[in-house]
């Protein structure tokens, strides 16, 4: 895991955050998915840097790199 990402059960209920902040990785990823630029995210979160945003993106990419996905037979969710 990147040194810019921290997971601590005593910070934000153990959710991944940018190290030494309470900025959730999931919030950064959501902002990127919504089309925000890195510069716009940095305005929203002045305590982080561009490298932190890229680290969040890398973290999300690593989580998405799973080997297989087992679909539930009776799931109503479409992928």
C-alpha atoms as a PDB file:
ATOM      1  CA  UNK A   1       0.000   0.000   0.000  1.00  0.00           C
ATOM      2  CA  UNK A   2       1.133   3.524  -0.748  1.00  0.00           C
ATOM      3  CA  UNK A   3       2.588   5.484   2.181  1.00  0.00           C
ATOM      4  CA  UNK A   4       0.167   8.317   1.380  1.00  0.00           C
ATOM      5  CA  UNK A   5      -2.819   6.111   2.275  1.00  0.00           C
ATOM      6  CA  UNK A   6      -3.564   5.183   5.870  1.00  0.00           C
ATOM      7  CA  UNK A   7      -5.984   2.684   7.388  1.00  0.00           C
ATOM      8  CA  UNK A   8      -6.369   3.028  11.132  1.00  0.00           C
ATOM      9  CA  UNK A   9      -9.367   1.697  13.078  1.00  0.00           C
ATOM     10  CA  UNK A  10      -9.274   4.862  15.212  1.00  0.00           C
ATOM     11  CA  UNK A  11      -9.558   7.239  12.231  1.00  0.00           C
ATOM     12  CA  UNK A  12     -12.787   7.449  10.223  1.00  0.00           C
ATOM     13  CA  UNK A  13     -13.888   3.991  11.401  1.00  0.00           C
ATOM     14  CA  UNK A  14     -10.915   2.344   9.690  1.00  0.00           C
ATOM     15  CA  UNK A  15     -11.781   3.557   6.200  1.00  0.00           C
ATOM     16  CA  UNK A  16      -8.819   4.410   3.957  1.00  0.00           C
ATOM     17  CA  UNK A  17      -7.815   8.065   4.227  1.00  0.00           C
ATOM     18  CA  UNK A  18      -5.025  10.253   2.969  1.00  0.00           C
ATOM     19  CA  UNK A  19      -2.269   9.857   5.576  1.00  0.00           C
ATOM     20  CA  UNK A  20      -2.335  12.386   8.406  1.00  0.00           C
ATOM     21  CA  UNK A  21      -5.776  13.672   7.367  1.00  0.00           C
ATOM     22  CA  UNK A  22      -9.390  12.611   7.605  1.00  0.00           C
ATOM     23  CA  UNK A  23      -9.884  12.911   3.851  1.00  0.00           C
ATOM     24  CA  UNK A  24     -11.493   9.661   2.734  1.00  0.00           C
ATOM     25  CA  UNK A  25     -10.050   7.926  -0.317  1.00  0.00           C
ATOM     26  CA  UNK A  26     -13.629   7.108  -1.339  1.00  0.00           C
ATOM     27  CA  UNK A  27     -14.503  10.831  -1.439  1.00  0.00           C
ATOM     28  CA  UNK A  28     -11.583  11.534  -3.750  1.00  0.00           C
ATOM     29  CA  UNK A  29     -12.520   8.629  -6.019  1.00  0.00           C
ATOM     30  CA  UNK A  30     -16.133   9.819  -6.121  1.00  0.00           C
ATOM     31  CA  UNK A  31     -15.004  13.308  -7.055  1.00  0.00           C
ATOM     32  CA  UNK A  32     -12.849  11.928  -9.871  1.00  0.00           C
ATOM     33  CA  UNK A  33     -15.724   9.743 -11.091  1.00  0.00           C
ATOM     34  CA  UNK A  34     -17.953  12.833 -11.086  1.00  0.00           C
ATOM     35  CA  UNK A  35     -15.517  14.547 -13.437  1.00  0.00           C
ATOM     36  CA  UNK A  36     -13.677  16.839 -11.053  1.00  0.00           C
ATOM     37  CA  UNK A  37     -10.109  17.666 -11.949  1.00  0.00           C
ATOM     38  CA  UNK A  38      -7.221  17.193  -9.558  1.00  0.00           C
ATOM     39  CA  UNK A  39      -6.993  20.980  -9.214  1.00  0.00           C
ATOM     40  CA  UNK A  40     -10.675  21.187  -8.232  1.00  0.00           C
ATOM     41  CA  UNK A  41     -10.203  18.437  -5.646  1.00  0.00           C
ATOM     42  CA  UNK A  42      -7.198  20.257  -4.191  1.00  0.00           C
ATOM     43  CA  UNK A  43      -9.333  23.370  -3.749  1.00  0.00           C
ATOM     44  CA  UNK A  44     -11.952  21.285  -1.902  1.00  0.00           C
ATOM     45  CA  UNK A  45      -9.314  19.590   0.274  1.00  0.00           C
ATOM     46  CA  UNK A  46      -6.497  22.099   0.874  1.00  0.00           C
ATOM     47  CA  UNK A  47      -4.690  19.724   3.247  1.00  0.00           C
ATOM     48  CA  UNK A  48      -3.793  17.287   0.443  1.00  0.00           C
ATOM     49  CA  UNK A  49      -1.561  17.406  -2.641  1.00  0.00           C
ATOM     50  CA  UNK A  50      -1.769  16.140  -6.178  1.00  0.00           C
ATOM     51  CA  UNK A  51       0.323  13.095  -5.258  1.00  0.00           C
ATOM     52  CA  UNK A  52      -2.313  12.219  -2.644  1.00  0.00           C
ATOM     53  CA  UNK A  53      -5.053  12.242  -5.286  1.00  0.00           C
ATOM     54  CA  UNK A  54      -2.946  10.010  -7.543  1.00  0.00           C
ATOM     55  CA  UNK A  55      -2.277   7.684  -4.586  1.00  0.00           C
ATOM     56  CA  UNK A  56      -6.030   7.421  -3.972  1.00  0.00           C
ATOM     57  CA  UNK A  57      -6.568   6.555  -7.615  1.00  0.00           C
ATOM     58  CA  UNK A  58      -3.817   3.924  -7.462  1.00  0.00           C
ATOM     59  CA  UNK A  59      -5.355   2.477  -4.280  1.00  0.00           C
ATOM     60  CA  UNK A  60      -8.744   2.186  -5.993  1.00  0.00           C
ATOM     61  CA  UNK A  61      -7.100   0.591  -9.013  1.00  0.00           C
ATOM     62  CA  UNK A  62      -5.408  -2.010  -6.834  1.00  0.00           C
ATOM     63  CA  UNK A  63      -8.707  -2.861  -5.144  1.00  0.00           C
ATOM     64  CA  UNK A  64     -10.377  -3.270  -8.517  1.00  0.00           C
ATOM     65  CA  UNK A  65      -7.668  -5.657  -9.709  1.00  0.00           C
ATOM     66  CA  UNK A  66      -9.395  -8.733  -8.322  1.00  0.00           C
ATOM     67  CA  UNK A  67      -8.877 -12.082 -10.031  1.00  0.00           C
ATOM     68  CA  UNK A  68     -12.457 -13.273 -10.416  1.00  0.00           C
ATOM     69  CA  UNK A  69     -15.950 -12.091  -9.721  1.00  0.00           C
ATOM     70  CA  UNK A  70     -18.665 -14.530  -8.703  1.00  0.00           C
ATOM     71  CA  UNK A  71     -22.115 -13.260  -9.621  1.00  0.00           C
ATOM     72  CA  UNK A  72     -24.958 -14.308  -7.391  1.00  0.00           C
ATOM     73  CA  UNK A  73     -27.474 -16.333  -9.376  1.00  0.00           C
ATOM     74  CA  UNK A  74     -30.547 -14.431  -8.205  1.00  0.00           C
ATOM     75  CA  UNK A  75     -29.072 -10.971  -7.994  1.00  0.00           C
ATOM     76  CA  UNK A  76     -31.111  -8.140  -9.441  1.00  0.00           C
ATOM     77  CA  UNK A  77     -27.998  -6.006  -9.851  1.00  0.00           C
ATOM     78  CA  UNK A  78     -26.805  -5.696 -13.417  1.00  0.00           C
ATOM     79  CA  UNK A  79     -23.128  -5.053 -14.138  1.00  0.00           C
END
